[in-house]
């Protein structure tokens, strides 16, 4: 996928966020909204994390295409963030966004 980091993160959110999805739908493996995001604030938080990571990867790894991101890149980003002594809660948010 090409485009700015903001465009790419917006495209990812479009795949995950389902407006009005009920919790019962999101936890039912047989429902089409299974594992989707139903909260706008969670979607925004994930998008902010992705934007930060994509900017990091563009600057440090010269990766501009999100489809080329590997687990090595995610681990490097987590390590980079932990060097700056961010809170444990923020690292958990990063981890949750990467798993989405």
C-alpha atoms as a PDB file:
ATOM      1  CA  UNK A   1       0.000   0.000   0.000  1.00  0.00           C
ATOM      2  CA  UNK A   2       1.434   3.349  -0.953  1.00  0.00           C
ATOM      3  CA  UNK A   3       0.620   6.836   0.216  1.00  0.00           C
ATOM      4  CA  UNK A   4       1.341   8.950   3.249  1.00  0.00           C
ATOM      5  CA  UNK A   5       1.504   7.305   6.659  1.00  0.00           C
ATOM      6  CA  UNK A   6      -1.762   9.025   7.525  1.00  0.00           C
ATOM      7  CA  UNK A   7      -3.506   7.632   4.442  1.00  0.00           C
ATOM      8  CA  UNK A   8      -2.218   4.125   5.174  1.00  0.00           C
ATOM      9  CA  UNK A   9      -3.337   4.214   8.808  1.00  0.00           C
ATOM     10  CA  UNK A  10      -6.755   5.502   7.690  1.00  0.00           C
ATOM     11  CA  UNK A  11      -7.078   2.542   5.330  1.00  0.00           C
ATOM     12  CA  UNK A  12      -6.228   0.149   8.177  1.00  0.00           C
ATOM     13  CA  UNK A  13      -8.854   1.728  10.421  1.00  0.00           C
ATOM     14  CA  UNK A  14     -11.466   1.354   7.669  1.00  0.00           C
ATOM     15  CA  UNK A  15     -10.824  -2.397   7.786  1.00  0.00           C
ATOM     16  CA  UNK A  16     -11.097  -2.673  11.582  1.00  0.00           C
ATOM     17  CA  UNK A  17     -13.596  -0.068  12.773  1.00  0.00           C
ATOM     18  CA  UNK A  18     -17.284  -0.879  12.448  1.00  0.00           C
ATOM     19  CA  UNK A  19     -19.479   1.974  13.627  1.00  0.00           C
ATOM     20  CA  UNK A  20     -22.250   0.757  15.864  1.00  0.00           C
ATOM     21  CA  UNK A  21     -20.852  -2.762  16.288  1.00  0.00           C
ATOM     22  CA  UNK A  22     -22.174  -4.262  19.507  1.00  0.00           C
ATOM     23  CA  UNK A  23     -19.876  -6.090  21.899  1.00  0.00           C
ATOM     24  CA  UNK A  24     -21.852  -9.309  21.470  1.00  0.00           C
ATOM     25  CA  UNK A  25     -21.134  -9.132  17.715  1.00  0.00           C
ATOM     26  CA  UNK A  26     -17.432  -8.424  18.214  1.00  0.00           C
ATOM     27  CA  UNK A  27     -16.881 -11.450  20.466  1.00  0.00           C
ATOM     28  CA  UNK A  28     -18.930 -13.965  18.436  1.00  0.00           C
ATOM     29  CA  UNK A  29     -16.555 -15.894  16.103  1.00  0.00           C
ATOM     30  CA  UNK A  30     -19.442 -16.553  13.701  1.00  0.00           C
ATOM     31  CA  UNK A  31     -20.415 -12.902  13.289  1.00  0.00           C
ATOM     32  CA  UNK A  32     -19.072 -10.688  10.483  1.00  0.00           C
ATOM     33  CA  UNK A  33     -17.983  -8.049  13.040  1.00  0.00           C
ATOM     34  CA  UNK A  34     -15.845 -10.529  15.000  1.00  0.00           C
ATOM     35  CA  UNK A  35     -12.683  -8.860  16.357  1.00  0.00           C
ATOM     36  CA  UNK A  36     -13.601  -5.497  14.856  1.00  0.00           C
ATOM     37  CA  UNK A  37     -13.285  -2.226  16.732  1.00  0.00           C
ATOM     38  CA  UNK A  38     -16.516  -0.706  17.958  1.00  0.00           C
ATOM     39  CA  UNK A  39     -15.121   2.259  19.843  1.00  0.00           C
ATOM     40  CA  UNK A  40     -14.146   5.443  18.030  1.00  0.00           C
ATOM     41  CA  UNK A  41     -11.694   6.346  20.809  1.00  0.00           C
ATOM     42  CA  UNK A  42      -9.941   2.967  20.574  1.00  0.00           C
ATOM     43  CA  UNK A  43      -9.732   3.315  16.796  1.00  0.00           C
ATOM     44  CA  UNK A  44      -8.244   6.797  17.184  1.00  0.00           C
ATOM     45  CA  UNK A  45      -5.724   5.571  19.771  1.00  0.00           C
ATOM     46  CA  UNK A  46      -4.644   2.704  17.490  1.00  0.00           C
ATOM     47  CA  UNK A  47      -4.352   5.050  14.537  1.00  0.00           C
ATOM     48  CA  UNK A  48      -2.151   7.431  16.555  1.00  0.00           C
ATOM     49  CA  UNK A  49       0.135   4.522  17.494  1.00  0.00           C
ATOM     50  CA  UNK A  50       0.307   3.358  13.875  1.00  0.00           C
ATOM     51  CA  UNK A  51       1.091   6.874  12.657  1.00  0.00           C
ATOM     52  CA  UNK A  52       3.966   7.105  15.142  1.00  0.00           C
ATOM     53  CA  UNK A  53       5.288   3.688  14.167  1.00  0.00           C
ATOM     54  CA  UNK A  54       5.003   4.373  10.434  1.00  0.00           C
ATOM     55  CA  UNK A  55       6.888   7.653  10.847  1.00  0.00           C
ATOM     56  CA  UNK A  56       9.585   5.832  12.856  1.00  0.00           C
ATOM     57  CA  UNK A  57       9.914   3.142  10.174  1.00  0.00           C
ATOM     58  CA  UNK A  58      10.098   5.719   7.391  1.00  0.00           C
ATOM     59  CA  UNK A  59      12.846   7.623   9.197  1.00  0.00           C
ATOM     60  CA  UNK A  60      14.942   4.784  10.620  1.00  0.00           C
ATOM     61  CA  UNK A  61      14.270   1.860   8.272  1.00  0.00           C
ATOM     62  CA  UNK A  62      13.308   3.722   5.057  1.00  0.00           C
ATOM     63  CA  UNK A  63      10.058   1.734   4.868  1.00  0.00           C
ATOM     64  CA  UNK A  64       7.183   3.649   3.343  1.00  0.00           C
ATOM     65  CA  UNK A  65       4.920   0.729   2.446  1.00  0.00           C
ATOM     66  CA  UNK A  66       3.050  -0.746   5.427  1.00  0.00           C
ATOM     67  CA  UNK A  67       2.757  -4.118   3.693  1.00  0.00           C
ATOM     68  CA  UNK A  68       6.537  -4.540   4.061  1.00  0.00           C
ATOM     69  CA  UNK A  69       6.493  -4.296   7.871  1.00  0.00           C
ATOM     70  CA  UNK A  70       7.726  -7.453   9.602  1.00  0.00           C
ATOM     71  CA  UNK A  71       7.806  -8.601  13.208  1.00  0.00           C
ATOM     72  CA  UNK A  72      11.444  -7.460  13.324  1.00  0.00           C
ATOM     73  CA  UNK A  73      10.323  -3.894  12.586  1.00  0.00           C
ATOM     74  CA  UNK A  74       7.626  -4.002  15.262  1.00  0.00           C
ATOM     75  CA  UNK A  75      10.126  -5.344  17.818  1.00  0.00           C
ATOM     76  CA  UNK A  76      12.586  -2.578  16.891  1.00  0.00           C
ATOM     77  CA  UNK A  77       9.865   0.047  17.352  1.00  0.00           C
ATOM     78  CA  UNK A  78       8.911  -1.372  20.763  1.00  0.00           C
ATOM     79  CA  UNK A  79      12.575  -1.365  21.785  1.00  0.00           C
ATOM     80  CA  UNK A  80      12.969   2.207  20.535  1.00  0.00           C
ATOM     81  CA  UNK A  81       9.966   3.338  22.581  1.00  0.00           C
ATOM     82  CA  UNK A  82      11.125   1.506  25.710  1.00  0.00           C
ATOM     83  CA  UNK A  83      14.486   3.324  25.510  1.00  0.00           C
ATOM     84  CA  UNK A  84      12.609   6.566  26.149  1.00  0.00           C
ATOM     85  CA  UNK A  85      11.123   5.161  29.367  1.00  0.00           C
ATOM     86  CA  UNK A  86       7.512   5.476  28.298  1.00  0.00           C
ATOM     87  CA  UNK A  87       4.910   4.192  30.732  1.00  0.00           C
ATOM     88  CA  UNK A  88       3.991   0.536  30.932  1.00  0.00           C
ATOM     89  CA  UNK A  89       0.429   1.483  29.990  1.00  0.00           C
ATOM     90  CA  UNK A  90       1.636   3.157  26.781  1.00  0.00           C
ATOM     91  CA  UNK A  91       3.647   0.056  25.841  1.00  0.00           C
ATOM     92  CA  UNK A  92       0.499  -2.012  26.393  1.00  0.00           C
ATOM     93  CA  UNK A  93      -1.410   0.333  24.073  1.00  0.00           C
ATOM     94  CA  UNK A  94       1.286  -0.090  21.406  1.00  0.00           C
ATOM     95  CA  UNK A  95       1.112  -3.858  21.809  1.00  0.00           C
ATOM     96  CA  UNK A  96      -2.682  -3.864  21.500  1.00  0.00           C
ATOM     97  CA  UNK A  97      -2.550  -1.697  18.374  1.00  0.00           C
ATOM     98  CA  UNK A  98      -0.017  -4.024  16.758  1.00  0.00           C
ATOM     99  CA  UNK A  99      -2.169  -7.059  17.479  1.00  0.00           C
ATOM    100  CA  UNK A 100      -5.300  -5.497  15.958  1.00  0.00           C
END
